Amino acid sequence: MTDLEWKILDELYLMNAYRSVFDAVRENASAFDAALVGLLQKGWLRQLRYDERAKDFVDVDPFDSSSLDNSNFVITRQGLLEHTGAA
């Protein structure tokens, strides 16, 4: 796990918006997006989007790398285990 991946996971124990995580980790956009996609590919994050009809957040599955900046994210159980070293 890279330092950037660790920082991203650290921000996502609770659901958080793309911009909030981006601002917190203070990385350039292309590196941040690449790390986010890598974490999604590993299954360590869930991508969510607000659905007006459901009045709730719904999973984006499979993940959509073209809409990262309009999404929210949260760590998965596997991501939590990896982040804490319990995996």
N, C-alpha and C. Protein backbone atom coordinates (compact mmCIF):
# COMPACT_ATOMS: atom_id res chain seq x y z
N MET A 1 0.85 -1.17 0.00
CA MET A 1 0.00 0.00 0.00
C MET A 1 0.90 1.24 0.00
N THR A 2 0.58 2.18 -0.87
CA THR A 2 1.37 3.42 -0.94
C THR A 2 0.93 4.38 0.17
N ASP A 3 1.75 5.38 0.40
CA ASP A 3 1.39 6.41 1.39
C ASP A 3 0.10 7.11 0.99
N LEU A 4 -0.05 7.39 -0.30
CA LEU A 4 -1.26 8.07 -0.77
C LEU A 4 -2.49 7.19 -0.56
N GLU A 5 -2.39 5.91 -0.88
CA GLU A 5 -3.52 5.00 -0.65
C GLU A 5 -3.88 4.97 0.84
N TRP A 6 -2.86 4.93 1.70
CA TRP A 6 -3.10 4.91 3.14
C TRP A 6 -3.84 6.17 3.58
N LYS A 7 -3.40 7.34 3.08
CA LYS A 7 -4.04 8.60 3.43
C LYS A 7 -5.50 8.63 2.97
N ILE A 8 -5.76 8.13 1.77
CA ILE A 8 -7.13 8.11 1.25
C ILE A 8 -8.00 7.22 2.13
N LEU A 9 -7.54 6.01 2.42
CA LEU A 9 -8.31 5.10 3.26
C LEU A 9 -8.56 5.71 4.63
N ASP A 10 -7.58 6.42 5.16
CA ASP A 10 -7.70 7.04 6.47
C ASP A 10 -8.84 8.07 6.51
N GLU A 11 -9.15 8.67 5.38
CA GLU A 11 -10.23 9.66 5.29
C GLU A 11 -11.60 9.03 5.08
N LEU A 12 -11.65 7.73 4.85
CA LEU A 12 -12.90 7.12 4.41
C LEU A 12 -13.47 6.08 5.37
N TYR A 13 -13.19 6.20 6.66
CA TYR A 13 -13.83 5.33 7.62
C TYR A 13 -15.33 5.63 7.68
N LEU A 14 -15.68 6.86 7.40
CA LEU A 14 -17.07 7.27 7.20
C LEU A 14 -17.19 7.78 5.77
N MET A 15 -18.37 7.68 5.20
CA MET A 15 -18.55 8.13 3.82
C MET A 15 -18.14 9.59 3.68
N ASN A 16 -17.46 9.89 2.60
CA ASN A 16 -16.96 11.23 2.37
C ASN A 16 -16.98 11.53 0.88
N ALA A 17 -17.18 12.79 0.55
CA ALA A 17 -17.23 13.23 -0.85
C ALA A 17 -15.82 13.31 -1.43
N TYR A 18 -15.74 13.14 -2.74
CA TYR A 18 -14.48 13.21 -3.47
C TYR A 18 -13.69 14.45 -3.08
N ARG A 19 -14.32 15.63 -3.14
CA ARG A 19 -13.63 16.89 -2.90
C ARG A 19 -13.07 16.96 -1.47
N SER A 20 -13.81 16.46 -0.51
CA SER A 20 -13.34 16.47 0.88
C SER A 20 -12.08 15.62 1.05
N VAL A 21 -12.09 14.45 0.44
CA VAL A 21 -10.93 13.56 0.54
C VAL A 21 -9.75 14.17 -0.21
N PHE A 22 -10.01 14.68 -1.41
CA PHE A 22 -8.97 15.31 -2.22
C PHE A 22 -8.31 16.45 -1.45
N ASP A 23 -9.12 17.31 -0.85
CA ASP A 23 -8.59 18.44 -0.08
C ASP A 23 -7.79 17.98 1.14
N ALA A 24 -8.21 16.89 1.75
CA ALA A 24 -7.55 16.41 2.96
C ALA A 24 -6.18 15.79 2.67
N VAL A 25 -6.05 15.09 1.56
CA VAL A 25 -4.77 14.40 1.28
C VAL A 25 -3.78 15.28 0.53
N ARG A 26 -4.23 16.36 -0.06
CA ARG A 26 -3.35 17.36 -0.70
C ARG A 26 -2.36 16.74 -1.67
N GLU A 27 -2.90 16.10 -2.69
CA GLU A 27 -2.10 15.46 -3.73
C GLU A 27 -2.55 16.02 -5.07
N ASN A 28 -1.70 15.91 -6.11
CA ASN A 28 -2.15 16.39 -7.41
C ASN A 28 -3.28 15.51 -7.92
N ALA A 29 -4.13 16.08 -8.75
CA ALA A 29 -5.37 15.42 -9.17
C ALA A 29 -5.14 14.10 -9.88
N SER A 30 -4.17 14.03 -10.78
CA SER A 30 -3.98 12.79 -11.54
C SER A 30 -3.49 11.66 -10.64
N ALA A 31 -2.58 11.95 -9.71
CA ALA A 31 -2.10 10.91 -8.78
C ALA A 31 -3.22 10.49 -7.85
N PHE A 32 -4.02 11.45 -7.38
CA PHE A 32 -5.13 11.15 -6.49
C PHE A 32 -6.15 10.25 -7.19
N ASP A 33 -6.55 10.63 -8.40
CA ASP A 33 -7.53 9.83 -9.14
C ASP A 33 -7.00 8.42 -9.42
N ALA A 34 -5.73 8.31 -9.78
CA ALA A 34 -5.14 7.00 -10.06
C ALA A 34 -5.16 6.12 -8.80
N ALA A 35 -4.83 6.71 -7.66
CA ALA A 35 -4.85 5.95 -6.40
C ALA A 35 -6.26 5.54 -6.03
N LEU A 36 -7.22 6.43 -6.24
CA LEU A 36 -8.62 6.13 -5.95
C LEU A 36 -9.11 4.97 -6.82
N VAL A 37 -8.81 5.01 -8.10
CA VAL A 37 -9.20 3.93 -9.01
C VAL A 37 -8.53 2.62 -8.59
N GLY A 38 -7.26 2.69 -8.20
CA GLY A 38 -6.56 1.48 -7.74
C GLY A 38 -7.23 0.87 -6.52
N LEU A 39 -7.65 1.71 -5.58
CA LEU A 39 -8.34 1.21 -4.39
C LEU A 39 -9.70 0.62 -4.74
N LEU A 40 -10.40 1.22 -5.68
CA LEU A 40 -11.67 0.67 -6.14
C LEU A 40 -11.46 -0.69 -6.81
N GLN A 41 -10.42 -0.79 -7.63
CA GLN A 41 -10.12 -2.05 -8.32
C GLN A 41 -9.78 -3.17 -7.33
N LYS A 42 -9.10 -2.82 -6.24
CA LYS A 42 -8.76 -3.80 -5.22
C LYS A 42 -9.95 -4.19 -4.35
N GLY A 43 -11.04 -3.42 -4.46
CA GLY A 43 -12.21 -3.70 -3.63
C GLY A 43 -12.10 -3.13 -2.24
N TRP A 44 -11.22 -2.16 -2.03
CA TRP A 44 -11.01 -1.58 -0.72
C TRP A 44 -11.89 -0.37 -0.47
N LEU A 45 -12.56 0.10 -1.50
CA LEU A 45 -13.49 1.23 -1.40
C LEU A 45 -14.78 0.90 -2.11
N ARG A 46 -15.85 1.58 -1.69
CA ARG A 46 -17.13 1.58 -2.41
C ARG A 46 -17.36 2.99 -2.94
N GLN A 47 -17.81 3.07 -4.17
CA GLN A 47 -18.19 4.35 -4.77
C GLN A 47 -19.71 4.46 -4.67
N LEU A 48 -20.19 5.61 -4.19
CA LEU A 48 -21.63 5.82 -4.02
C LEU A 48 -22.04 7.14 -4.66
N ARG A 49 -23.29 7.17 -5.09
CA ARG A 49 -23.87 8.38 -5.65
C ARG A 49 -25.28 8.55 -5.08
N TYR A 50 -25.67 9.78 -4.85
CA TYR A 50 -27.01 10.03 -4.30
C TYR A 50 -28.06 9.81 -5.38
N ASP A 51 -29.09 9.04 -5.05
CA ASP A 51 -30.19 8.75 -5.95
C ASP A 51 -31.43 9.47 -5.43
N GLU A 52 -31.91 10.45 -6.19
CA GLU A 52 -33.07 11.25 -5.78
C GLU A 52 -34.32 10.38 -5.58
N ARG A 53 -34.53 9.42 -6.47
CA ARG A 53 -35.73 8.57 -6.35
C ARG A 53 -35.69 7.74 -5.08
N ALA A 54 -34.53 7.20 -4.76
CA ALA A 54 -34.39 6.36 -3.57
C ALA A 54 -34.20 7.20 -2.31
N LYS A 55 -33.87 8.48 -2.49
CA LYS A 55 -33.59 9.37 -1.35
C LYS A 55 -32.49 8.79 -0.46
N ASP A 56 -31.48 8.21 -1.13
CA ASP A 56 -30.38 7.58 -0.41
C ASP A 56 -29.19 7.44 -1.36
N PHE A 57 -28.05 7.10 -0.78
CA PHE A 57 -26.86 6.81 -1.58
C PHE A 57 -26.93 5.37 -2.06
N VAL A 58 -26.53 5.16 -3.30
CA VAL A 58 -26.53 3.82 -3.89
C VAL A 58 -25.13 3.52 -4.43
N ASP A 59 -24.80 2.23 -4.42
CA ASP A 59 -23.50 1.80 -4.95
C ASP A 59 -23.42 2.05 -6.44
N VAL A 60 -22.25 2.45 -6.88
CA VAL A 60 -21.93 2.52 -8.30
C VAL A 60 -21.14 1.26 -8.58
N ASP A 61 -21.79 0.28 -9.16
CA ASP A 61 -21.17 -1.03 -9.37
C ASP A 61 -21.51 -1.54 -10.75
N PRO A 62 -20.51 -1.71 -11.63
CA PRO A 62 -19.09 -1.50 -11.36
C PRO A 62 -18.77 -0.01 -11.20
N PHE A 63 -17.62 0.27 -10.58
CA PHE A 63 -17.26 1.67 -10.35
C PHE A 63 -17.12 2.42 -11.67
N ASP A 64 -17.30 3.72 -11.62
CA ASP A 64 -17.27 4.58 -12.81
C ASP A 64 -16.17 5.61 -12.65
N SER A 65 -15.03 5.37 -13.28
CA SER A 65 -13.89 6.27 -13.14
C SER A 65 -14.12 7.63 -13.79
N SER A 66 -15.13 7.73 -14.65
CA SER A 66 -15.40 9.02 -15.31
C SER A 66 -16.20 9.97 -14.44
N SER A 67 -16.70 9.48 -13.31
CA SER A 67 -17.52 10.34 -12.44
C SER A 67 -17.01 10.37 -11.00
N LEU A 68 -15.73 10.20 -10.82
CA LEU A 68 -15.17 10.18 -9.47
C LEU A 68 -15.49 11.45 -8.71
N ASP A 69 -15.35 12.60 -9.38
CA ASP A 69 -15.53 13.88 -8.70
C ASP A 69 -16.97 14.19 -8.33
N ASN A 70 -17.91 13.38 -8.79
CA ASN A 70 -19.33 13.54 -8.44
C ASN A 70 -19.80 12.43 -7.51
N SER A 71 -18.85 11.76 -6.88
CA SER A 71 -19.17 10.59 -6.07
C SER A 71 -18.74 10.76 -4.63
N ASN A 72 -19.23 9.84 -3.81
CA ASN A 72 -18.83 9.69 -2.42
C ASN A 72 -18.18 8.32 -2.30
N PHE A 73 -17.38 8.15 -1.26
CA PHE A 73 -16.64 6.90 -1.09
C PHE A 73 -16.65 6.51 0.38
N VAL A 74 -16.51 5.21 0.61
CA VAL A 74 -16.39 4.69 1.97
C VAL A 74 -15.52 3.43 1.89
N ILE A 75 -14.76 3.20 2.95
CA ILE A 75 -13.88 2.04 3.02
C ILE A 75 -14.73 0.76 3.13
N THR A 76 -14.27 -0.31 2.53
CA THR A 76 -14.93 -1.62 2.67
C THR A 76 -14.29 -2.38 3.84
N ARG A 77 -14.88 -3.49 4.18
CA ARG A 77 -14.32 -4.33 5.25
C ARG A 77 -12.89 -4.74 4.89
N GLN A 78 -12.69 -5.16 3.63
CA GLN A 78 -11.34 -5.57 3.21
C GLN A 78 -10.38 -4.39 3.27
N GLY A 79 -10.83 -3.21 2.86
CA GLY A 79 -10.00 -2.02 2.95
C GLY A 79 -9.62 -1.69 4.37
N LEU A 80 -10.58 -1.85 5.27
CA LEU A 80 -10.32 -1.61 6.69
C LEU A 80 -9.28 -2.57 7.24
N LEU A 81 -9.41 -3.83 6.87
CA LEU A 81 -8.43 -4.83 7.31
C LEU A 81 -7.05 -4.52 6.77
N GLU A 82 -6.97 -4.12 5.52
CA GLU A 82 -5.68 -3.77 4.92
C GLU A 82 -5.09 -2.52 5.58
N HIS A 83 -5.94 -1.55 5.83
CA HIS A 83 -5.49 -0.27 6.40
C HIS A 83 -4.97 -0.45 7.82
N THR A 84 -5.59 -1.32 8.58
CA THR A 84 -5.18 -1.51 9.97
C THR A 84 -4.11 -2.60 10.13
N GLY A 85 -3.78 -3.28 9.03
CA GLY A 85 -2.78 -4.32 9.10
C GLY A 85 -3.29 -5.65 9.61
N ALA A 86 -4.61 -5.80 9.67
CA ALA A 86 -5.20 -7.04 10.20
C ALA A 86 -5.48 -8.06 9.11
N ALA A 87 -5.17 -7.73 7.87
CA ALA A 87 -5.48 -8.65 6.75
C ALA A 87 -4.48 -9.77 6.67
